[in-house]
Amino acid sequence: MGTLTNLLPMIIIIALMYLLLIRPSQKQRKKQQEMQNNISRGNTVVTIGGLHGTVDAIDDQTVVLTVEDGAKVRFERAAIQRVVELDTTKKA
């Protein structure tokens, strides 16, 4: 009984660390991976460096983006931070 009482705080700390740190991080990583796998030609994306562009070509590891001046730039697929959702219902 004494050993269980001594281990209980450590078990609670490990459980809290899992619930507060590890699990949310895994969910975020899974969401990011899913977004990167669903990128398709024509999507407007932002890279981790802040470059905005339109996906021109895509393969297993790389993405070719067309930026505003028409230049084409090749990035690793993992460098895509987010897909920009264009809302056409907004009025300026």
PDB file of N, CA and C in Angstrom:
ATOM      1  N   MET A   1       0.831  -1.199   0.000  1.00  0.00           N
ATOM      2  CA  MET A   1       0.000   0.000   0.000  1.00  0.00           C
ATOM      3  C   MET A   1       0.872   1.258   0.000  1.00  0.00           C
ATOM      4  N   GLY A   2       1.972   1.231   0.723  1.00  0.00           N
ATOM      5  CA  GLY A   2       2.864   2.388   0.797  1.00  0.00           C
ATOM      6  C   GLY A   2       3.521   2.690  -0.531  1.00  0.00           C
ATOM      7  N   THR A   3       3.872   1.654  -1.299  1.00  0.00           N
ATOM      8  CA  THR A   3       4.512   1.849  -2.596  1.00  0.00           C
ATOM      9  C   THR A   3       3.550   2.513  -3.573  1.00  0.00           C
ATOM     10  N   LEU A   4       2.296   2.068  -3.567  1.00  0.00           N
ATOM     11  CA  LEU A   4       1.287   2.653  -4.446  1.00  0.00           C
ATOM     12  C   LEU A   4       1.051   4.121  -4.088  1.00  0.00           C
ATOM     13  N   THR A   5       1.031   4.430  -2.815  1.00  0.00           N
ATOM     14  CA  THR A   5       0.843   5.804  -2.366  1.00  0.00           C
ATOM     15  C   THR A   5       2.008   6.676  -2.820  1.00  0.00           C
ATOM     16  N   ASN A   6       3.208   6.133  -2.813  1.00  0.00           N
ATOM     17  CA  ASN A   6       4.387   6.889  -3.241  1.00  0.00           C
ATOM     18  C   ASN A   6       4.408   7.086  -4.766  1.00  0.00           C
ATOM     19  N   LEU A   7       3.886   6.130  -5.514  1.00  0.00           N
ATOM     20  CA  LEU A   7       3.898   6.212  -6.977  1.00  0.00           C
ATOM     21  C   LEU A   7       2.723   7.001  -7.547  1.00  0.00           C
ATOM     22  N   LEU A   8       1.665   7.166  -6.769  1.00  0.00           N
ATOM     23  CA  LEU A   8       0.464   7.847  -7.252  1.00  0.00           C
ATOM     24  C   LEU A   8       0.735   9.268  -7.761  1.00  0.00           C
ATOM     25  N   PRO A   9       1.481  10.118  -7.059  1.00  0.00           N
ATOM     26  CA  PRO A   9       1.761  11.462  -7.598  1.00  0.00           C
ATOM     27  C   PRO A   9       2.516  11.411  -8.932  1.00  0.00           C
ATOM     28  N   MET A  10       3.445  10.482  -9.075  1.00  0.00           N
ATOM     29  CA  MET A  10       4.196  10.366 -10.322  1.00  0.00           C
ATOM     30  C   MET A  10       3.274   9.926 -11.465  1.00  0.00           C
ATOM     31  N   ILE A  11       2.369   9.006 -11.200  1.00  0.00           N
ATOM     32  CA  ILE A  11       1.414   8.549 -12.210  1.00  0.00           C
ATOM     33  C   ILE A  11       0.497   9.696 -12.629  1.00  0.00           C
ATOM     34  N   ILE A  12       0.053  10.496 -11.678  1.00  0.00           N
ATOM     35  CA  ILE A  12      -0.815  11.641 -11.975  1.00  0.00           C
ATOM     36  C   ILE A  12      -0.068  12.669 -12.818  1.00  0.00           C
ATOM     37  N   ILE A  13       1.195  12.933 -12.507  1.00  0.00           N
ATOM     38  CA  ILE A  13       2.000  13.896 -13.274  1.00  0.00           C
ATOM     39  C   ILE A  13       2.175  13.419 -14.708  1.00  0.00           C
ATOM     40  N   ILE A  14       2.464  12.147 -14.891  1.00  0.00           N
ATOM     41  CA  ILE A  14       2.639  11.598 -16.240  1.00  0.00           C
ATOM     42  C   ILE A  14       1.330  11.681 -17.018  1.00  0.00           C
ATOM     43  N   ALA A  15       0.223  11.363 -16.379  1.00  0.00           N
ATOM     44  CA  ALA A  15      -1.081  11.441 -17.044  1.00  0.00           C
ATOM     45  C   ALA A  15      -1.406  12.881 -17.443  1.00  0.00           C
ATOM     46  N   LEU A  16      -1.130  13.834 -16.571  1.00  0.00           N
ATOM     47  CA  LEU A  16      -1.375  15.238 -16.888  1.00  0.00           C
ATOM     48  C   LEU A  16      -0.483  15.723 -18.030  1.00  0.00           C
ATOM     49  N   MET A  17       0.770  15.311 -18.025  1.00  0.00           N
ATOM     50  CA  MET A  17       1.680  15.689 -19.113  1.00  0.00           C
ATOM     51  C   MET A  17       1.159  15.148 -20.440  1.00  0.00           C
ATOM     52  N   TYR A  18       0.670  13.924 -20.445  1.00  0.00           N
ATOM     53  CA  TYR A  18       0.126  13.346 -21.666  1.00  0.00           C
ATOM     54  C   TYR A  18      -1.086  14.137 -22.134  1.00  0.00           C
ATOM     55  N   LEU A  19      -2.001  14.438 -21.225  1.00  0.00           N
ATOM     56  CA  LEU A  19      -3.235  15.130 -21.600  1.00  0.00           C
ATOM     57  C   LEU A  19      -3.008  16.589 -21.998  1.00  0.00           C
ATOM     58  N   LEU A  20      -2.043  17.254 -21.376  1.00  0.00           N
ATOM     59  CA  LEU A  20      -1.846  18.674 -21.628  1.00  0.00           C
ATOM     60  C   LEU A  20      -0.787  18.982 -22.685  1.00  0.00           C
ATOM     61  N   LEU A  21       0.182  18.095 -22.887  1.00  0.00           N
ATOM     62  CA  LEU A  21       1.272  18.393 -23.807  1.00  0.00           C
ATOM     63  C   LEU A  21       1.332  17.467 -25.020  1.00  0.00           C
ATOM     64  N   ILE A  22       1.369  16.189 -24.787  1.00  0.00           N
ATOM     65  CA  ILE A  22       1.630  15.232 -25.855  1.00  0.00           C
ATOM     66  C   ILE A  22       0.424  15.066 -26.764  1.00  0.00           C
ATOM     67  N   ARG A  23      -0.737  14.857 -26.220  1.00  0.00           N
ATOM     68  CA  ARG A  23      -1.937  14.599 -27.028  1.00  0.00           C
ATOM     69  C   ARG A  23      -2.298  15.775 -27.942  1.00  0.00           C
ATOM     70  N   PRO A  24      -2.338  17.023 -27.446  1.00  0.00           N
ATOM     71  CA  PRO A  24      -2.631  18.148 -28.348  1.00  0.00           C
ATOM     72  C   PRO A  24      -1.576  18.310 -29.452  1.00  0.00           C
ATOM     73  N   SER A  25      -0.331  18.051 -29.121  1.00  0.00           N
ATOM     74  CA  SER A  25       0.731  18.134 -30.119  1.00  0.00           C
ATOM     75  C   SER A  25       0.542  17.091 -31.207  1.00  0.00           C
ATOM     76  N   GLN A  26       0.151  15.885 -30.838  1.00  0.00           N
ATOM     77  CA  GLN A  26      -0.101  14.838 -31.818  1.00  0.00           C
ATOM     78  C   GLN A  26      -1.281  15.194 -32.713  1.00  0.00           C
ATOM     79  N   LYS A  27      -2.334  15.777 -32.136  1.00  0.00           N
ATOM     80  CA  LYS A  27      -3.497  16.188 -32.922  1.00  0.00           C
ATOM     81  C   LYS A  27      -3.110  17.266 -33.933  1.00  0.00           C
ATOM     82  N   GLN A  28      -2.315  18.233 -33.501  1.00  0.00           N
ATOM     83  CA  GLN A  28      -1.888  19.318 -34.378  1.00  0.00           C
ATOM     84  C   GLN A  28      -1.018  18.778 -35.514  1.00  0.00           C
ATOM     85  N   ARG A  29      -0.105  17.868 -35.187  1.00  0.00           N
ATOM     86  CA  ARG A  29       0.770  17.270 -36.192  1.00  0.00           C
ATOM     87  C   ARG A  29      -0.044  16.465 -37.210  1.00  0.00           C
ATOM     88  N   LYS A  30      -1.053  15.745 -36.749  1.00  0.00           N
ATOM     89  CA  LYS A  30      -1.917  14.960 -37.633  1.00  0.00           C
ATOM     90  C   LYS A  30      -2.720  15.878 -38.552  1.00  0.00           C
ATOM     91  N   LYS A  31      -3.233  16.976 -38.018  1.00  0.00           N
ATOM     92  CA  LYS A  31      -3.996  17.938 -38.804  1.00  0.00           C
ATOM     93  C   LYS A  31      -3.108  18.579 -39.881  1.00  0.00           C
ATOM     94  N   GLN A  32      -1.878  18.939 -39.524  1.00  0.00           N
ATOM     95  CA  GLN A  32      -0.929  19.547 -40.462  1.00  0.00           C
ATOM     96  C   GLN A  32      -0.576  18.558 -41.572  1.00  0.00           C
ATOM     97  N   GLN A  33      -0.333  17.297 -41.211  1.00  0.00           N
ATOM     98  CA  GLN A  33      -0.001  16.268 -42.190  1.00  0.00           C
ATOM     99  C   GLN A  33      -1.167  16.038 -43.148  1.00  0.00           C
ATOM    100  N   GLU A  34      -2.379  16.021 -42.625  1.00  0.00           N
ATOM    101  CA  GLU A  34      -3.566  15.838 -43.460  1.00  0.00           C
ATOM    102  C   GLU A  34      -3.726  16.989 -44.445  1.00  0.00           C
ATOM    103  N   MET A  35      -3.494  18.228 -43.975  1.00  0.00           N
ATOM    104  CA  MET A  35      -3.588  19.399 -44.839  1.00  0.00           C
ATOM    105  C   MET A  35      -2.553  19.307 -45.957  1.00  0.00           C
ATOM    106  N   GLN A  36      -1.319  18.912 -45.623  1.00  0.00           N
ATOM    107  CA  GLN A  36      -0.267  18.807 -46.630  1.00  0.00           C
ATOM    108  C   GLN A  36      -0.555  17.693 -47.633  1.00  0.00           C
ATOM    109  N   ASN A  37      -1.189  16.633 -47.202  1.00  0.00           N
ATOM    110  CA  ASN A  37      -1.533  15.546 -48.117  1.00  0.00           C
ATOM    111  C   ASN A  37      -2.681  15.911 -49.042  1.00  0.00           C
ATOM    112  N   ASN A  38      -3.524  16.865 -48.638  1.00  0.00           N
ATOM    113  CA  ASN A  38      -4.692  17.239 -49.433  1.00  0.00           C
ATOM    114  C   ASN A  38      -4.464  18.456 -50.325  1.00  0.00           C
ATOM    115  N   ILE A  39      -3.224  18.935 -50.411  1.00  0.00           N
ATOM    116  CA  ILE A  39      -2.918  20.064 -51.286  1.00  0.00           C
ATOM    117  C   ILE A  39      -3.102  19.621 -52.732  1.00  0.00           C
ATOM    118  N   SER A  40      -3.728  20.474 -53.519  1.00  0.00           N
ATOM    119  CA  SER A  40      -3.910  20.142 -54.934  1.00  0.00           C
ATOM    120  C   SER A  40      -3.566  21.357 -55.792  1.00  0.00           C
ATOM    121  N   ARG A  41      -3.433  21.112 -57.077  1.00  0.00           N
ATOM    122  CA  ARG A  41      -3.080  22.168 -58.018  1.00  0.00           C
ATOM    123  C   ARG A  41      -4.161  23.250 -57.986  1.00  0.00           C
ATOM    124  N   GLY A  42      -3.724  24.514 -57.931  1.00  0.00           N
ATOM    125  CA  GLY A  42      -4.653  25.634 -57.903  1.00  0.00           C
ATOM    126  C   GLY A  42      -4.897  26.201 -56.514  1.00  0.00           C
ATOM    127  N   ASN A  43      -4.509  25.453 -55.458  1.00  0.00           N
ATOM    128  CA  ASN A  43      -4.665  25.972 -54.099  1.00  0.00           C
ATOM    129  C   ASN A  43      -3.732  27.160 -53.882  1.00  0.00           C
ATOM    130  N   THR A  44      -4.199  28.150 -53.153  1.00  0.00           N
ATOM    131  CA  THR A  44      -3.348  29.253 -52.716  1.00  0.00           C
ATOM    132  C   THR A  44      -2.837  28.886 -51.337  1.00  0.00           C
ATOM    133  N   VAL A  45      -1.499  28.916 -51.167  1.00  0.00           N
ATOM    134  CA  VAL A  45      -0.893  28.457 -49.926  1.00  0.00           C
ATOM    135  C   VAL A  45       0.094  29.493 -49.396  1.00  0.00           C
ATOM    136  N   VAL A  46       0.461  29.313 -48.132  1.00  0.00           N
ATOM    137  CA  VAL A  46       1.490  30.113 -47.484  1.00  0.00           C
ATOM    138  C   VAL A  46       2.533  29.143 -46.956  1.00  0.00           C
ATOM    139  N   THR A  47       3.815  29.430 -47.232  1.00  0.00           N
ATOM    140  CA  THR A  47       4.887  28.571 -46.742  1.00  0.00           C
ATOM    141  C   THR A  47       5.274  28.973 -45.328  1.00  0.00           C
ATOM    142  N   ILE A  48       6.126  28.158 -44.698  1.00  0.00           N
ATOM    143  CA  ILE A  48       6.571  28.488 -43.343  1.00  0.00           C
ATOM    144  C   ILE A  48       7.438  29.739 -43.331  1.00  0.00           C
ATOM    145  N   GLY A  49       7.962  30.131 -44.491  1.00  0.00           N
ATOM    146  CA  GLY A  49       8.749  31.363 -44.605  1.00  0.00           C
ATOM    147  C   GLY A  49       7.906  32.585 -44.902  1.00  0.00           C
ATOM    148  N   GLY A  50       6.590  32.386 -45.100  1.00  0.00           N
ATOM    149  CA  GLY A  50       5.689  33.502 -45.345  1.00  0.00           C
ATOM    150  C   GLY A  50       5.442  33.802 -46.810  1.00  0.00           C
ATOM    151  N   LEU A  51       5.936  32.974 -47.717  1.00  0.00           N
ATOM    152  CA  LEU A  51       5.742  33.186 -49.143  1.00  0.00           C
ATOM    153  C   LEU A  51       4.345  32.733 -49.548  1.00  0.00           C
ATOM    154  N   HIS A  52       3.610  33.616 -50.230  1.00  0.00           N
ATOM    155  CA  HIS A  52       2.271  33.298 -50.720  1.00  0.00           C
ATOM    156  C   HIS A  52       2.389  32.909 -52.184  1.00  0.00           C
ATOM    157  N   GLY A  53       1.684  31.854 -52.572  1.00  0.00           N
ATOM    158  CA  GLY A  53       1.729  31.431 -53.964  1.00  0.00           C
ATOM    159  C   GLY A  53       0.612  30.464 -54.276  1.00  0.00           C
ATOM    160  N   THR A  54       0.493  30.142 -55.561  1.00  0.00           N
ATOM    161  CA  THR A  54      -0.511  29.203 -56.041  1.00  0.00           C
ATOM    162  C   THR A  54       0.190  27.931 -56.477  1.00  0.00           C
ATOM    163  N   VAL A  55      -0.345  26.788 -56.088  1.00  0.00           N
ATOM    164  CA  VAL A  55       0.265  25.507 -56.426  1.00  0.00           C
ATOM    165  C   VAL A  55       0.135  25.289 -57.929  1.00  0.00           C
ATOM    166  N   ASP A  56       1.292  25.118 -58.584  1.00  0.00           N
ATOM    167  CA  ASP A  56       1.318  24.886 -60.023  1.00  0.00           C
ATOM    168  C   ASP A  56       1.517  23.407 -60.339  1.00  0.00           C
ATOM    169  N   ALA A  57       2.356  22.743 -59.547  1.00  0.00           N
ATOM    170  CA  ALA A  57       2.613  21.308 -59.732  1.00  0.00           C
ATOM    171  C   ALA A  57       2.921  20.708 -58.375  1.00  0.00           C
ATOM    172  N   ILE A  58       2.661  19.423 -58.249  1.00  0.00           N
ATOM    173  CA  ILE A  58       2.879  18.754 -56.969  1.00  0.00           C
ATOM    174  C   ILE A  58       3.282  17.312 -57.231  1.00  0.00           C
ATOM    175  N   ASP A  59       4.228  16.813 -56.436  1.00  0.00           N
ATOM    176  CA  ASP A  59       4.565  15.390 -56.484  1.00  0.00           C
ATOM    177  C   ASP A  59       4.697  14.885 -55.059  1.00  0.00           C
ATOM    178  N   ASP A  60       5.302  13.722 -54.869  1.00  0.00           N
ATOM    179  CA  ASP A  60       5.351  13.111 -53.537  1.00  0.00           C
ATOM    180  C   ASP A  60       6.067  13.968 -52.503  1.00  0.00           C
ATOM    181  N   GLN A  61       7.162  14.612 -52.874  1.00  0.00           N
ATOM    182  CA  GLN A  61       7.975  15.347 -51.906  1.00  0.00           C
ATOM    183  C   GLN A  61       7.971  16.863 -52.094  1.00  0.00           C
ATOM    184  N   THR A  62       7.712  17.350 -53.298  1.00  0.00           N
ATOM    185  CA  THR A  62       7.857  18.778 -53.564  1.00  0.00           C
ATOM    186  C   THR A  62       6.583  19.389 -54.126  1.00  0.00           C
ATOM    187  N   VAL A  63       6.542  20.721 -54.025  1.00  0.00           N
ATOM    188  CA  VAL A  63       5.440  21.518 -54.551  1.00  0.00           C
ATOM    189  C   VAL A  63       6.057  22.675 -55.331  1.00  0.00           C
ATOM    190  N   VAL A  64       5.559  22.934 -56.515  1.00  0.00           N
ATOM    191  CA  VAL A  64       6.007  24.086 -57.293  1.00  0.00           C
ATOM    192  C   VAL A  64       4.940  25.162 -57.150  1.00  0.00           C
ATOM    193  N   LEU A  65       5.360  26.331 -56.648  1.00  0.00           N
ATOM    194  CA  LEU A  65       4.445  27.450 -56.445  1.00  0.00           C
ATOM    195  C   LEU A  65       4.705  28.525 -57.484  1.00  0.00           C
ATOM    196  N   THR A  66       3.633  29.122 -57.965  1.00  0.00           N
ATOM    197  CA  THR A  66       3.738  30.296 -58.820  1.00  0.00           C
ATOM    198  C   THR A  66       3.442  31.491 -57.940  1.00  0.00           C
ATOM    199  N   VAL A  67       4.407  32.413 -57.855  1.00  0.00           N
ATOM    200  CA  VAL A  67       4.216  33.603 -57.023  1.00  0.00           C
ATOM    201  C   VAL A  67       3.691  34.735 -57.878  1.00  0.00           C
ATOM    202  N   GLU A  68       3.453  35.884 -57.286  1.00  0.00           N
ATOM    203  CA  GLU A  68       2.751  36.991 -57.923  1.00  0.00           C
ATOM    204  C   GLU A  68       3.378  37.455 -59.237  1.00  0.00           C
ATOM    205  N   ASP A  69       4.693  37.492 -59.317  1.00  0.00           N
ATOM    206  CA  ASP A  69       5.329  37.986 -60.541  1.00  0.00           C
ATOM    207  C   ASP A  69       5.457  36.910 -61.622  1.00  0.00           C
ATOM    208  N   GLY A  70       4.884  35.733 -61.377  1.00  0.00           N
ATOM    209  CA  GLY A  70       4.907  34.663 -62.360  1.00  0.00           C
ATOM    210  C   GLY A  70       6.065  33.699 -62.206  1.00  0.00           C
ATOM    211  N   ALA A  71       6.963  33.978 -61.285  1.00  0.00           N
ATOM    212  CA  ALA A  71       8.104  33.088 -61.059  1.00  0.00           C
ATOM    213  C   ALA A  71       7.619  31.797 -60.406  1.00  0.00           C
ATOM    214  N   LYS A  72       8.298  30.705 -60.746  1.00  0.00           N
ATOM    215  CA  LYS A  72       7.958  29.417 -60.159  1.00  0.00           C
ATOM    216  C   LYS A  72       9.050  29.021 -59.181  1.00  0.00           C
ATOM    217  N   VAL A  73       8.629  28.602 -58.000  1.00  0.00           N
ATOM    218  CA  VAL A  73       9.554  28.253 -56.927  1.00  0.00           C
ATOM    219  C   VAL A  73       9.199  26.865 -56.419  1.00  0.00           C
ATOM    220  N   ARG A  74      10.230  26.036 -56.206  1.00  0.00           N
ATOM    221  CA  ARG A  74      10.010  24.666 -55.729  1.00  0.00           C
ATOM    222  C   ARG A  74      10.282  24.607 -54.219  1.00  0.00           C
ATOM    223  N   PHE A  75       9.350  23.991 -53.493  1.00  0.00           N
ATOM    224  CA  PHE A  75       9.461  23.825 -52.049  1.00  0.00           C
ATOM    225  C   PHE A  75       9.219  22.371 -51.686  1.00  0.00           C
ATOM    226  N   GLU A  76       9.730  21.975 -50.532  1.00  0.00           N
ATOM    227  CA  GLU A  76       9.354  20.690 -49.958  1.00  0.00           C
ATOM    228  C   GLU A  76       7.891  20.791 -49.543  1.00  0.00           C
ATOM    229  N   ARG A  77       7.183  19.697 -49.659  1.00  0.00           N
ATOM    230  CA  ARG A  77       5.765  19.686 -49.283  1.00  0.00           C
ATOM    231  C   ARG A  77       5.603  20.059 -47.808  1.00  0.00           C
ATOM    232  N   ALA A  78       6.547  19.664 -46.975  1.00  0.00           N
ATOM    233  CA  ALA A  78       6.480  19.956 -45.541  1.00  0.00           C
ATOM    234  C   ALA A  78       6.625  21.443 -45.246  1.00  0.00           C
ATOM    235  N   ALA A  79       7.087  22.239 -46.211  1.00  0.00           N
ATOM    236  CA  ALA A  79       7.262  23.679 -46.001  1.00  0.00           C
ATOM    237  C   ALA A  79       5.956  24.450 -46.153  1.00  0.00           C
ATOM    238  N   ILE A  80       4.884  23.781 -46.557  1.00  0.00           N
ATOM    239  CA  ILE A  80       3.592  24.455 -46.691  1.00  0.00           C
ATOM    240  C   ILE A  80       2.961  24.545 -45.302  1.00  0.00           C
ATOM    241  N   GLN A  81       2.750  25.765 -44.844  1.00  0.00           N
ATOM    242  CA  GLN A  81       2.192  25.967 -43.509  1.00  0.00           C
ATOM    243  C   GLN A  81       0.677  25.884 -43.505  1.00  0.00           C
ATOM    244  N   ARG A  82       0.044  26.524 -44.495  1.00  0.00           N
ATOM    245  CA  ARG A  82      -1.414  26.512 -44.518  1.00  0.00           C
ATOM    246  C   ARG A  82      -1.933  26.786 -45.913  1.00  0.00           C
ATOM    247  N   VAL A  83      -3.150  26.348 -46.139  1.00  0.00           N
ATOM    248  CA  VAL A  83      -3.868  26.645 -47.374  1.00  0.00           C
ATOM    249  C   VAL A  83      -4.769  27.829 -47.075  1.00  0.00           C
ATOM    250  N   VAL A  84      -4.685  28.855 -47.913  1.00  0.00           N
ATOM    251  CA  VAL A  84      -5.485  30.060 -47.700  1.00  0.00           C
ATOM    252  C   VAL A  84      -6.887  29.805 -48.199  1.00  0.00           C
ATOM    253  N   GLU A  85      -7.838  30.004 -47.335  1.00  0.00           N
ATOM    254  CA  GLU A  85      -9.250  29.858 -47.704  1.00  0.00           C
ATOM    255  C   GLU A  85      -9.741  31.213 -48.175  1.00  0.00           C
ATOM    256  N   LEU A  86     -10.002  31.324 -49.450  1.00  0.00           N
ATOM    257  CA  LEU A  86     -10.493  32.586 -49.985  1.00  0.00           C
ATOM    258  C   LEU A  86     -11.987  32.673 -49.788  1.00  0.00           C
ATOM    259  N   ASP A  87     -12.437  33.705 -49.100  1.00  0.00           N
ATOM    260  CA  ASP A  87     -13.858  33.906 -48.846  1.00  0.00           C
ATOM    261  C   ASP A  87     -14.389  34.930 -49.841  1.00  0.00           C
ATOM    262  N   THR A  88     -15.159  34.469 -50.812  1.00  0.00           N
ATOM    263  CA  THR A  88     -15.673  35.374 -51.848  1.00  0.00           C
ATOM    264  C   THR A  88     -16.928  36.104 -51.407  1.00  0.00           C
ATOM    265  N   THR A  89     -17.462  35.776 -50.229  1.00  0.00           N
ATOM    266  CA  THR A  89     -18.680  36.429 -49.764  1.00  0.00           C
ATOM    267  C   THR A  89     -18.382  37.747 -49.045  1.00  0.00           C
ATOM    268  N   LYS A  90     -17.122  37.975 -48.681  1.00  0.00           N
ATOM    269  CA  LYS A  90     -16.767  39.213 -47.983  1.00  0.00           C
ATOM    270  C   LYS A  90     -16.820  40.388 -48.953  1.00  0.00           C
ATOM    271  N   LYS A  91     -17.284  41.511 -48.444  1.00  0.00           N
ATOM    272  CA  LYS A  91     -17.324  42.727 -49.251  1.00  0.00           C
ATOM    273  C   LYS A  91     -16.320  43.712 -48.687  1.00  0.00           C
ATOM    274  N   ALA A  92     -15.601  44.358 -49.558  1.00  0.00           N
ATOM    275  CA  ALA A  92     -14.567  45.311 -49.130  1.00  0.00           C
ATOM    276  C   ALA A  92     -15.179  46.592 -48.626  1.00  0.00           C
TER     277      ALA A  92
END
